[in-house]
Amino acid sequence: MKFLPKNPVRKFVVGVQSIILSDCGNLMLDADEQITILRKSGAEYDFASKEWGFYATPSTNGRLIEFGFRTAVVRNITSGRKYVLVIEKGFEELFFKYLEAEKMVVELWLDE
């Protein structure tokens, strides 16, 4: 694994709400390497590299639920673009407010 921090951090605007994202750096994984991303709440998320691509999530109806997350496929109503979003349990109300503000709808829950 190799982390390349961006200095200065690249900031850019996304979404209907003009959210400012900070691109802090790049992480390069070799095949069969994994990173675990942690939240302050203790919830965790694994991302693994394979020779053919990536496991973008742990199992959506198994380990991800155990880690405290739900997974949804959402669609932007305006652009038609689809996204896989991972929602921490207990933050569903914020998630639905975000979807409404960003003109997005849940197409499918992957953990059901």
Protein backbone atom coordinates (compact mmCIF):
# COMPACT_ATOMS: atom_id res chain seq x y z
CA MET A 1 0.00 0.00 0.00
CA LYS A 2 1.19 3.48 -0.80
CA PHE A 3 -0.49 6.72 0.35
CA LEU A 4 0.26 9.91 -1.56
CA PRO A 5 -1.09 12.92 0.38
CA LYS A 6 -2.16 16.01 -1.54
CA ASN A 7 -0.58 19.18 -0.25
CA PRO A 8 -2.38 21.43 -0.55
CA VAL A 9 -5.61 19.49 -0.29
CA ARG A 10 -7.67 19.82 -3.50
CA LYS A 11 -11.12 21.27 -2.79
CA PHE A 12 -14.02 21.16 -5.25
CA VAL A 13 -17.77 21.70 -5.30
CA VAL A 14 -20.32 18.93 -5.94
CA GLY A 15 -24.06 18.47 -5.84
CA VAL A 16 -27.15 20.63 -5.81
CA GLN A 17 -26.23 21.92 -2.35
CA SER A 18 -22.75 23.03 -3.52
CA ILE A 19 -20.98 20.76 -1.05
CA ILE A 20 -17.23 21.36 -0.81
CA LEU A 21 -15.29 18.08 -0.89
CA SER A 22 -11.65 17.83 0.13
CA ASP A 23 -9.47 15.43 -1.88
CA CYS A 24 -6.78 14.58 0.68
CA GLY A 25 -4.70 12.16 -1.35
CA ASN A 26 -4.39 8.91 -3.29
CA LEU A 27 -4.08 5.40 -1.92
CA MET A 28 -2.50 2.76 -4.14
CA LEU A 29 -3.30 -0.86 -3.29
CA ASP A 30 -1.71 -3.92 -4.82
CA ALA A 31 -3.84 -7.00 -5.55
CA ASP A 32 -5.11 -8.71 -2.39
CA GLU A 33 -4.49 -5.70 -0.16
CA GLN A 34 -7.26 -4.21 1.96
CA ILE A 35 -7.81 -1.02 3.91
CA THR A 36 -10.34 -0.46 6.69
CA ILE A 37 -11.94 2.97 6.91
CA LEU A 38 -13.10 3.94 10.40
CA ARG A 39 -15.67 6.48 11.60
CA LYS A 40 -15.54 8.24 14.98
CA SER A 41 -18.57 6.14 16.01
CA GLY A 42 -16.50 2.96 15.64
CA ALA A 43 -18.27 1.84 12.46
CA GLU A 44 -15.86 0.44 9.88
CA TYR A 45 -15.79 -0.18 6.14
CA ASP A 46 -13.41 -2.46 4.22
CA PHE A 47 -12.18 -1.86 0.68
CA ALA A 48 -10.12 -4.58 -1.02
CA SER A 49 -8.06 -4.67 -4.20
CA LYS A 50 -8.05 -7.72 -6.50
CA GLU A 51 -6.18 -8.44 -9.74
CA TRP A 52 -9.45 -7.86 -11.67
CA GLY A 53 -10.62 -4.72 -9.80
CA PHE A 54 -12.05 -4.02 -6.32
CA TYR A 55 -14.41 -5.31 -3.70
CA ALA A 56 -16.07 -1.93 -3.19
CA THR A 57 -17.96 -3.10 -0.09
CA PRO A 58 -17.97 -5.97 2.36
CA SER A 59 -20.96 -8.28 1.86
CA THR A 60 -23.98 -5.97 1.81
CA ASN A 61 -26.25 -8.46 3.58
CA GLY A 62 -23.63 -9.74 6.03
CA ARG A 63 -20.47 -8.03 7.26
CA LEU A 64 -21.56 -4.53 6.26
CA ILE A 65 -24.67 -4.88 8.43
CA GLU A 66 -22.48 -6.20 11.27
CA PHE A 67 -20.27 -3.10 10.83
CA GLY A 68 -23.36 -0.88 11.34
CA PHE A 69 -24.21 0.10 7.77
CA ARG A 70 -26.96 -0.29 5.18
CA THR A 71 -26.30 -0.16 1.44
CA ALA A 72 -28.50 1.42 -1.23
CA VAL A 73 -28.40 1.99 -4.97
CA VAL A 74 -29.64 5.53 -5.55
CA ARG A 75 -30.40 7.46 -8.73
CA ASN A 76 -30.04 11.16 -9.35
CA ILE A 77 -33.40 12.22 -10.79
CA THR A 78 -31.86 15.03 -12.85
CA SER A 79 -28.86 13.29 -14.41
CA GLY A 80 -29.97 9.66 -14.20
CA ARG A 81 -26.60 8.72 -12.71
CA LYS A 82 -26.59 5.88 -10.19
CA TYR A 83 -24.52 5.56 -7.03
CA VAL A 84 -23.96 2.92 -4.37
CA LEU A 85 -24.21 4.63 -0.98
CA VAL A 86 -23.39 3.17 2.41
CA ILE A 87 -25.46 4.61 5.27
CA GLU A 88 -24.49 4.30 8.91
CA LYS A 89 -27.32 2.99 11.07
CA GLY A 90 -28.89 5.77 13.09
CA PHE A 91 -28.26 8.34 10.35
CA GLU A 92 -31.16 7.35 8.08
CA GLU A 93 -33.03 10.63 8.66
CA LEU A 94 -29.98 12.64 7.55
CA PHE A 95 -29.58 10.30 4.58
CA PHE A 96 -33.16 10.87 3.39
CA LYS A 97 -32.81 14.65 3.83
CA TYR A 98 -29.64 14.49 1.74
CA LEU A 99 -31.39 12.49 -0.98
CA GLU A 100 -34.23 15.01 -1.12
CA ALA A 101 -31.86 18.00 -1.29
CA GLU A 102 -29.73 16.33 -3.98
CA LYS A 103 -32.76 15.17 -6.00
CA MET A 104 -31.98 11.48 -5.54
CA VAL A 105 -34.15 8.41 -4.89
CA VAL A 106 -33.42 4.94 -3.55
CA GLU A 107 -33.78 2.38 -6.32
CA LEU A 108 -32.76 -0.67 -4.29
CA TRP A 109 -31.64 -1.59 -0.80
CA LEU A 110 -28.81 -4.12 -1.19
CA ASP A 111 -29.08 -5.44 2.35
CA GLU A 112 -32.67 -6.72 2.06
